[in-house]
Each structure stands twice: as C-alpha cells, then as structure tokens.
C-alpha cells in the first residue's frame, strides 16, 4: 500500500514537545493519531456534560415512547393505504 505523506510545519518548541512524547518505536504519525483520538473523546465528553448542564437532552424512556408512537402511526398509515 502506497502511503502519501504530507509535511506539517511546526515550531521548534512544538517539535521538541512531540519528540518528548514519543515512546520507543512510535512514529510521529502514531503520536498524532493518539492525540486526535484523545481530542475526539474529550469533545464528546464536553458535549455530553454541556447537554446535561443545559438540560438539552431527551431521556431514553421518551425516545423509546416517541419511536413506538411513530411505528404505530406508520403501521396505521400502511393499513389505511395512505
């Protein structure tokens, strides 16, 4: 498999910090992949916490109820031939 490579310019201090994070056998690509995954998880966590704080969520029981009602309505519509 051919892997395309891109260059990402970074300052000397950032490069040194990345180098300090590297473990034996780990590439800079590995470090960046790990950092991206951690950032994605943190964003999800932040979004969930914000939703809980703001009350911007729907309880699971309500979602199940809504889903059931839509399924019943859909079945009735199909039966009526609408």
PDB file of N, CA and C in Angstrom:
ATOM      1  N   UNK A   1       0.841  -1.176   0.000  1.00  0.00           N
ATOM      2  CA  UNK A   1       0.000   0.000   0.000  1.00  0.00           C
ATOM      3  C   UNK A   1       0.889   1.242   0.000  1.00  0.00           C
ATOM      4  N   UNK A   2       0.640   2.136  -0.923  1.00  0.00           N
ATOM      5  CA  UNK A   2       1.395   3.376  -1.015  1.00  0.00           C
ATOM      6  C   UNK A   2       0.777   4.393  -0.074  1.00  0.00           C
ATOM      7  N   UNK A   3       1.619   4.946   0.793  1.00  0.00           N
ATOM      8  CA  UNK A   3       1.119   5.945   1.726  1.00  0.00           C
ATOM      9  C   UNK A   3       1.617   7.316   1.297  1.00  0.00           C
ATOM     10  N   UNK A   4       0.692   8.224   1.116  1.00  0.00           N
ATOM     11  CA  UNK A   4       1.062   9.592   0.796  1.00  0.00           C
ATOM     12  C   UNK A   4       1.505  10.280   2.073  1.00  0.00           C
ATOM     13  N   UNK A   5       2.519  11.068   1.977  1.00  0.00           N
ATOM     14  CA  UNK A   5       2.977  11.805   3.148  1.00  0.00           C
ATOM     15  C   UNK A   5       2.805  13.294   2.914  1.00  0.00           C
ATOM     16  N   UNK A   6       2.509  13.978   3.993  1.00  0.00           N
ATOM     17  CA  UNK A   6       2.355  15.427   3.968  1.00  0.00           C
ATOM     18  C   UNK A   6       3.304  16.010   4.999  1.00  0.00           C
ATOM     19  N   UNK A   7       3.726  17.177   4.750  1.00  0.00           N
ATOM     20  CA  UNK A   7       4.580  17.872   5.716  1.00  0.00           C
ATOM     21  C   UNK A   7       3.733  18.870   6.489  1.00  0.00           C
ATOM     22  N   UNK A   8       3.929  18.879   7.791  1.00  0.00           N
ATOM     23  CA  UNK A   8       3.223  19.821   8.648  1.00  0.00           C
ATOM     24  C   UNK A   8       4.279  20.659   9.353  1.00  0.00           C
ATOM     25  N   UNK A   9       4.382  21.930   8.980  1.00  0.00           N
ATOM     26  CA  UNK A   9       5.388  22.759   9.633  1.00  0.00           C
ATOM     27  C   UNK A   9       5.006  23.028  11.094  1.00  0.00           C
ATOM     28  N   UNK A  10       5.950  22.841  11.969  1.00  0.00           N
ATOM     29  CA  UNK A  10       5.751  23.138  13.395  1.00  0.00           C
ATOM     30  C   UNK A  10       6.968  23.907  13.895  1.00  0.00           C
ATOM     31  N   UNK A  11       6.736  24.643  14.957  1.00  0.00           N
ATOM     32  CA  UNK A  11       7.845  25.400  15.539  1.00  0.00           C
ATOM     33  C   UNK A  11       8.790  24.434  16.267  1.00  0.00           C
ATOM     34  N   UNK A  12       9.970  24.895  16.520  1.00  0.00           N
ATOM     35  CA  UNK A  12      10.972  24.082  17.224  1.00  0.00           C
ATOM     36  C   UNK A  12      10.466  23.611  18.591  1.00  0.00           C
ATOM     37  N   UNK A  13       9.841  24.488  19.391  1.00  0.00           N
ATOM     38  CA  UNK A  13       9.347  24.020  20.696  1.00  0.00           C
ATOM     39  C   UNK A  13       8.278  22.920  20.570  1.00  0.00           C
ATOM     40  N   UNK A  14       7.401  23.036  19.584  1.00  0.00           N
ATOM     41  CA  UNK A  14       6.366  22.011  19.386  1.00  0.00           C
ATOM     42  C   UNK A  14       7.016  20.700  18.968  1.00  0.00           C
ATOM     43  N   UNK A  15       7.978  20.774  18.072  1.00  0.00           N
ATOM     44  CA  UNK A  15       8.671  19.567  17.626  1.00  0.00           C
ATOM     45  C   UNK A  15       9.353  18.874  18.808  1.00  0.00           C
ATOM     46  N   UNK A  16       9.982  19.667  19.669  1.00  0.00           N
ATOM     47  CA  UNK A  16      10.649  19.091  20.850  1.00  0.00           C
ATOM     48  C   UNK A  16       9.633  18.438  21.792  1.00  0.00           C
ATOM     49  N   UNK A  17       8.488  19.098  21.991  1.00  0.00           N
ATOM     50  CA  UNK A  17       7.440  18.516  22.840  1.00  0.00           C
ATOM     51  C   UNK A  17       6.938  17.193  22.258  1.00  0.00           C
ATOM     52  N   UNK A  18       6.735  17.154  20.949  1.00  0.00           N
ATOM     53  CA  UNK A  18       6.311  15.911  20.301  1.00  0.00           C
ATOM     54  C   UNK A  18       7.367  14.826  20.480  1.00  0.00           C
ATOM     55  N   UNK A  19       8.621  15.198  20.305  1.00  0.00           N
ATOM     56  CA  UNK A  19       9.711  14.231  20.447  1.00  0.00           C
ATOM     57  C   UNK A  19       9.740  13.658  21.866  1.00  0.00           C
ATOM     58  N   UNK A  20       9.427  14.481  22.868  1.00  0.00           N
ATOM     59  CA  UNK A  20       9.406  14.003  24.253  1.00  0.00           C
ATOM     60  C   UNK A  20       8.244  13.038  24.506  1.00  0.00           C
ATOM     61  N   UNK A  21       7.177  13.178  23.746  1.00  0.00           N
ATOM     62  CA  UNK A  21       6.024  12.292  23.890  1.00  0.00           C
ATOM     63  C   UNK A  21       6.256  10.915  23.257  1.00  0.00           C
ATOM     64  N   UNK A  22       7.186  10.867  22.307  1.00  0.00           N
ATOM     65  CA  UNK A  22       7.451   9.614  21.588  1.00  0.00           C
ATOM     66  C   UNK A  22       7.996   8.542  22.501  1.00  0.00           C
ATOM     67  N   UNK A  23       7.441   7.357  22.324  1.00  0.00           N
ATOM     68  CA  UNK A  23       7.965   6.195  23.034  1.00  0.00           C
ATOM     69  C   UNK A  23       8.753   5.368  22.027  1.00  0.00           C
ATOM     70  N   UNK A  24       9.537   4.427  22.507  1.00  0.00           N
ATOM     71  CA  UNK A  24      10.365   3.601  21.624  1.00  0.00           C
ATOM     72  C   UNK A  24       9.502   2.963  20.538  1.00  0.00           C
ATOM     73  N   UNK A  25       9.914   3.114  19.296  1.00  0.00           N
ATOM     74  CA  UNK A  25       9.223   2.512  18.172  1.00  0.00           C
ATOM     75  C   UNK A  25       8.010   3.285  17.683  1.00  0.00           C
ATOM     76  N   UNK A  26       7.682   4.356  18.357  1.00  0.00           N
ATOM     77  CA  UNK A  26       6.498   5.137  17.986  1.00  0.00           C
ATOM     78  C   UNK A  26       6.887   6.212  16.976  1.00  0.00           C
ATOM     79  N   UNK A  27       6.047   6.378  15.967  1.00  0.00           N
ATOM     80  CA  UNK A  27       6.299   7.409  14.959  1.00  0.00           C
ATOM     81  C   UNK A  27       5.533   8.674  15.332  1.00  0.00           C
ATOM     82  N   UNK A  28       5.870   9.756  14.660  1.00  0.00           N
ATOM     83  CA  UNK A  28       5.119  10.997  14.876  1.00  0.00           C
ATOM     84  C   UNK A  28       3.675  10.809  14.423  1.00  0.00           C
ATOM     85  N   UNK A  29       3.482  10.013  13.390  1.00  0.00           N
ATOM     86  CA  UNK A  29       2.136   9.698  12.927  1.00  0.00           C
ATOM     87  C   UNK A  29       1.346   9.006  14.047  1.00  0.00           C
ATOM     88  N   UNK A  30       1.986   8.063  14.737  1.00  0.00           N
ATOM     89  CA  UNK A  30       1.336   7.371  15.860  1.00  0.00           C
ATOM     90  C   UNK A  30       0.931   8.358  16.958  1.00  0.00           C
ATOM     91  N   UNK A  31       1.829   9.273  17.260  1.00  0.00           N
ATOM     92  CA  UNK A  31       1.546  10.268  18.304  1.00  0.00           C
ATOM     93  C   UNK A  31       0.347  11.121  17.896  1.00  0.00           C
ATOM     94  N   UNK A  32       0.333  11.572  16.654  1.00  0.00           N
ATOM     95  CA  UNK A  32      -0.762  12.418  16.182  1.00  0.00           C
ATOM     96  C   UNK A  32      -2.085  11.657  16.167  1.00  0.00           C
ATOM     97  N   UNK A  33      -2.065  10.403  15.758  1.00  0.00           N
ATOM     98  CA  UNK A  33      -3.286   9.585  15.775  1.00  0.00           C
ATOM     99  C   UNK A  33      -3.821   9.485  17.198  1.00  0.00           C
ATOM    100  N   UNK A  34      -2.946   9.224  18.130  1.00  0.00           N
ATOM    101  CA  UNK A  34      -3.343   9.122  19.541  1.00  0.00           C
ATOM    102  C   UNK A  34      -3.911  10.448  20.051  1.00  0.00           C
ATOM    103  N   UNK A  35      -3.267  11.542  19.691  1.00  0.00           N
ATOM    104  CA  UNK A  35      -3.736  12.853  20.127  1.00  0.00           C
ATOM    105  C   UNK A  35      -5.102  13.181  19.531  1.00  0.00           C
ATOM    106  N   UNK A  36      -5.307  12.815  18.269  1.00  0.00           N
ATOM    107  CA  UNK A  36      -6.594  13.061  17.614  1.00  0.00           C
ATOM    108  C   UNK A  36      -7.697  12.273  18.306  1.00  0.00           C
ATOM    109  N   UNK A  37      -7.442  11.010  18.603  1.00  0.00           N
ATOM    110  CA  UNK A  37      -8.442  10.184  19.287  1.00  0.00           C
ATOM    111  C   UNK A  37      -8.777  10.746  20.674  1.00  0.00           C
ATOM    112  N   UNK A  38      -7.757  11.172  21.390  1.00  0.00           N
ATOM    113  CA  UNK A  38      -7.989  11.772  22.710  1.00  0.00           C
ATOM    114  C   UNK A  38      -8.825  13.045  22.593  1.00  0.00           C
ATOM    115  N   UNK A  39      -8.544  13.852  21.581  1.00  0.00           N
ATOM    116  CA  UNK A  39      -9.288  15.095  21.373  1.00  0.00           C
ATOM    117  C   UNK A  39     -10.743  14.805  21.028  1.00  0.00           C
ATOM    118  N   UNK A  40     -10.974  13.797  20.179  1.00  0.00           N
ATOM    119  CA  UNK A  40     -12.348  13.421  19.828  1.00  0.00           C
ATOM    120  C   UNK A  40     -13.119  12.972  21.063  1.00  0.00           C
ATOM    121  N   UNK A  41     -12.489  12.160  21.901  1.00  0.00           N
ATOM    122  CA  UNK A  41     -13.137  11.689  23.127  1.00  0.00           C
ATOM    123  C   UNK A  41     -13.428  12.855  24.065  1.00  0.00           C
ATOM    124  N   UNK A  42     -12.488  13.787  24.173  1.00  0.00           N
ATOM    125  CA  UNK A  42     -12.686  14.940  25.047  1.00  0.00           C
ATOM    126  C   UNK A  42     -13.839  15.803  24.554  1.00  0.00           C
ATOM    127  N   UNK A  43     -13.935  16.003  23.244  1.00  0.00           N
ATOM    128  CA  UNK A  43     -15.036  16.800  22.680  1.00  0.00           C
ATOM    129  C   UNK A  43     -16.384  16.137  22.954  1.00  0.00           C
ATOM    130  N   UNK A  44     -16.438  14.816  22.807  1.00  0.00           N
ATOM    131  CA  UNK A  44     -17.672  14.089  23.089  1.00  0.00           C
ATOM    132  C   UNK A  44     -18.046  14.254  24.559  1.00  0.00           C
ATOM    133  N   UNK A  45     -17.062  14.077  25.431  1.00  0.00           N
ATOM    134  CA  UNK A  45     -17.300  14.241  26.868  1.00  0.00           C
ATOM    135  C   UNK A  45     -17.797  15.656  27.175  1.00  0.00           C
ATOM    136  N   UNK A  46     -17.150  16.662  26.594  1.00  0.00           N
ATOM    137  CA  UNK A  46     -17.553  18.052  26.811  1.00  0.00           C
ATOM    138  C   UNK A  46     -18.981  18.294  26.317  1.00  0.00           C
ATOM    139  N   UNK A  47     -19.317  17.740  25.146  1.00  0.00           N
ATOM    140  CA  UNK A  47     -20.668  17.895  24.598  1.00  0.00           C
ATOM    141  C   UNK A  47     -21.710  17.259  25.512  1.00  0.00           C
ATOM    142  N   UNK A  48     -21.405  16.078  26.021  1.00  0.00           N
ATOM    143  CA  UNK A  48     -22.338  15.385  26.919  1.00  0.00           C
ATOM    144  C   UNK A  48     -22.522  16.178  28.207  1.00  0.00           C
ATOM    145  N   UNK A  49     -21.422  16.631  28.792  1.00  0.00           N
ATOM    146  CA  UNK A  49     -21.517  17.404  30.033  1.00  0.00           C
ATOM    147  C   UNK A  49     -22.282  18.706  29.827  1.00  0.00           C
ATOM    148  N   UNK A  50     -22.039  19.377  28.699  1.00  0.00           N
ATOM    149  CA  UNK A  50     -22.754  20.620  28.397  1.00  0.00           C
ATOM    150  C   UNK A  50     -24.248  20.350  28.246  1.00  0.00           C
ATOM    151  N   UNK A  51     -24.595  19.279  27.554  1.00  0.00           N
ATOM    152  CA  UNK A  51     -26.002  18.922  27.383  1.00  0.00           C
ATOM    153  C   UNK A  51     -26.663  18.627  28.720  1.00  0.00           C
ATOM    154  N   UNK A  52     -25.959  17.942  29.598  1.00  0.00           N
ATOM    155  CA  UNK A  52     -26.514  17.641  30.919  1.00  0.00           C
ATOM    156  C   UNK A  52     -26.706  18.916  31.735  1.00  0.00           C
ATOM    157  N   UNK A  53     -25.732  19.818  31.666  1.00  0.00           N
ATOM    158  CA  UNK A  53     -25.821  21.075  32.406  1.00  0.00           C
ATOM    159  C   UNK A  53     -26.951  21.952  31.893  1.00  0.00           C
ATOM    160  N   UNK A  54     -27.114  21.987  30.584  1.00  0.00           N
ATOM    161  CA  UNK A  54     -28.133  22.848  29.982  1.00  0.00           C
ATOM    162  C   UNK A  54     -29.504  22.174  29.928  1.00  0.00           C
ATOM    163  N   UNK A  55     -29.538  20.890  30.245  1.00  0.00           N
ATOM    164  CA  UNK A  55     -30.801  20.169  30.161  1.00  0.00           C
ATOM    165  C   UNK A  55     -31.220  19.942  28.724  1.00  0.00           C
ATOM    166  N   UNK A  56     -30.262  19.988  27.829  1.00  0.00           N
ATOM    167  CA  UNK A  56     -30.523  19.863  26.399  1.00  0.00           C
ATOM    168  C   UNK A  56     -30.412  18.397  25.971  1.00  0.00           C
ATOM    169  N   UNK A  57     -31.303  17.562  26.523  1.00  0.00           N
ATOM    170  CA  UNK A  57     -31.286  16.155  26.180  1.00  0.00           C
ATOM    171  C   UNK A  57     -32.691  15.588  26.326  1.00  0.00           C
ATOM    172  N   UNK A  58     -32.902  14.448  25.737  1.00  0.00           N
ATOM    173  CA  UNK A  58     -34.186  13.765  25.831  1.00  0.00           C
ATOM    174  C   UNK A  58     -33.940  12.449  26.552  1.00  0.00           C
ATOM    175  N   UNK A  59     -34.679  12.186  27.622  1.00  0.00           N
ATOM    176  CA  UNK A  59     -34.492  10.923  28.331  1.00  0.00           C
ATOM    177  C   UNK A  59     -34.747   9.729  27.412  1.00  0.00           C
ATOM    178  N   UNK A  60     -34.012   8.661  27.617  1.00  0.00           N
ATOM    179  CA  UNK A  60     -34.133   7.474  26.792  1.00  0.00           C
ATOM    180  C   UNK A  60     -35.560   6.941  26.782  1.00  0.00           C
ATOM    181  N   UNK A  61     -36.237   6.991  27.930  1.00  0.00           N
ATOM    182  CA  UNK A  61     -37.613   6.489  28.003  1.00  0.00           C
ATOM    183  C   UNK A  61     -38.524   7.263  27.047  1.00  0.00           C
ATOM    184  N   UNK A  62     -38.276   8.564  26.900  1.00  0.00           N
ATOM    185  CA  UNK A  62     -39.081   9.382  25.994  1.00  0.00           C
ATOM    186  C   UNK A  62     -38.772   9.046  24.533  1.00  0.00           C
ATOM    187  N   UNK A  63     -37.512   8.766  24.247  1.00  0.00           N
ATOM    188  CA  UNK A  63     -37.133   8.393  22.886  1.00  0.00           C
ATOM    189  C   UNK A  63     -37.825   7.092  22.509  1.00  0.00           C
ATOM    190  N   UNK A  64     -37.832   6.139  23.431  1.00  0.00           N
ATOM    191  CA  UNK A  64     -38.492   4.858  23.167  1.00  0.00           C
ATOM    192  C   UNK A  64     -39.984   5.070  22.921  1.00  0.00           C
ATOM    193  N   UNK A  65     -40.602   5.945  23.721  1.00  0.00           N
ATOM    194  CA  UNK A  65     -42.028   6.224  23.570  1.00  0.00           C
ATOM    195  C   UNK A  65     -42.300   6.866  22.214  1.00  0.00           C
ATOM    196  N   UNK A  66     -41.502   7.850  21.848  1.00  0.00           N
ATOM    197  CA  UNK A  66     -41.666   8.524  20.555  1.00  0.00           C
ATOM    198  C   UNK A  66     -41.505   7.537  19.407  1.00  0.00           C
ATOM    199  N   UNK A  67     -40.499   6.665  19.526  1.00  0.00           N
ATOM    200  CA  UNK A  67     -40.246   5.687  18.480  1.00  0.00           C
ATOM    201  C   UNK A  67     -41.437   4.742  18.347  1.00  0.00           C
ATOM    202  N   UNK A  68     -42.000   4.299  19.471  1.00  0.00           N
ATOM    203  CA  UNK A  68     -43.167   3.400  19.447  1.00  0.00           C
ATOM    204  C   UNK A  68     -44.355   4.079  18.787  1.00  0.00           C
ATOM    205  N   UNK A  69     -44.595   5.339  19.140  1.00  0.00           N
ATOM    206  CA  UNK A  69     -45.731   6.078  18.576  1.00  0.00           C
ATOM    207  C   UNK A  69     -45.571   6.236  17.067  1.00  0.00           C
ATOM    208  N   UNK A  70     -44.351   6.517  16.606  1.00  0.00           N
ATOM    209  CA  UNK A  70     -44.119   6.655  15.172  1.00  0.00           C
ATOM    210  C   UNK A  70     -44.345   5.328  14.461  1.00  0.00           C
ATOM    211  N   UNK A  71     -43.923   4.234  15.088  1.00  0.00           N
ATOM    212  CA  UNK A  71     -44.106   2.913  14.478  1.00  0.00           C
ATOM    213  C   UNK A  71     -45.586   2.580  14.359  1.00  0.00           C
ATOM    214  N   UNK A  72     -46.368   2.900  15.397  1.00  0.00           N
ATOM    215  CA  UNK A  72     -47.808   2.637  15.372  1.00  0.00           C
ATOM    216  C   UNK A  72     -48.465   3.486  14.289  1.00  0.00           C
ATOM    217  N   UNK A  73     -48.111   4.760  14.213  1.00  0.00           N
ATOM    218  CA  UNK A  73     -48.674   5.661  13.202  1.00  0.00           C
ATOM    219  C   UNK A  73     -48.331   5.161  11.803  1.00  0.00           C
ATOM    220  N   UNK A  74     -47.111   4.718  11.613  1.00  0.00           N
ATOM    221  CA  UNK A  74     -46.688   4.220  10.309  1.00  0.00           C
ATOM    222  C   UNK A  74     -47.498   2.979   9.930  1.00  0.00           C
ATOM    223  N   UNK A  75     -47.673   2.060  10.885  1.00  0.00           N
ATOM    224  CA  UNK A  75     -48.460   0.854  10.608  1.00  0.00           C
ATOM    225  C   UNK A  75     -49.894   1.212  10.242  1.00  0.00           C
ATOM    226  N   UNK A  76     -50.506   2.143  10.982  1.00  0.00           N
ATOM    227  CA  UNK A  76     -51.869   2.561  10.694  1.00  0.00           C
ATOM    228  C   UNK A  76     -51.985   3.170   9.309  1.00  0.00           C
ATOM    229  N   UNK A  77     -50.997   3.965   8.944  1.00  0.00           N
ATOM    230  CA  UNK A  77     -50.973   4.604   7.621  1.00  0.00           C
ATOM    231  C   UNK A  77     -50.881   3.532   6.537  1.00  0.00           C
ATOM    232  N   UNK A  78     -50.042   2.537   6.757  1.00  0.00           N
ATOM    233  CA  UNK A  78     -49.900   1.467   5.778  1.00  0.00           C
ATOM    234  C   UNK A  78     -51.184   0.667   5.632  1.00  0.00           C
ATOM    235  N   UNK A  79     -51.863   0.412   6.747  1.00  0.00           N
ATOM    236  CA  UNK A  79     -53.103  -0.344   6.727  1.00  0.00           C
ATOM    237  C   UNK A  79     -54.181   0.417   5.982  1.00  0.00           C
ATOM    238  N   UNK A  80     -54.254   1.732   6.213  1.00  0.00           N
ATOM    239  CA  UNK A  80     -55.261   2.571   5.551  1.00  0.00           C
ATOM    240  C   UNK A  80     -54.938   2.771   4.077  1.00  0.00           C
ATOM    241  N   UNK A  81     -53.698   2.472   3.693  1.00  0.00           N
ATOM    242  CA  UNK A  81     -53.298   2.651   2.299  1.00  0.00           C
ATOM    243  C   UNK A  81     -53.013   4.072   1.916  1.00  0.00           C
ATOM    244  N   UNK A  82     -52.711   4.874   2.893  1.00  0.00           N
ATOM    245  CA  UNK A  82     -52.440   6.283   2.641  1.00  0.00           C
ATOM    246  C   UNK A  82     -51.003   6.439   2.199  1.00  0.00           C
TER     247      UNK A  82
END
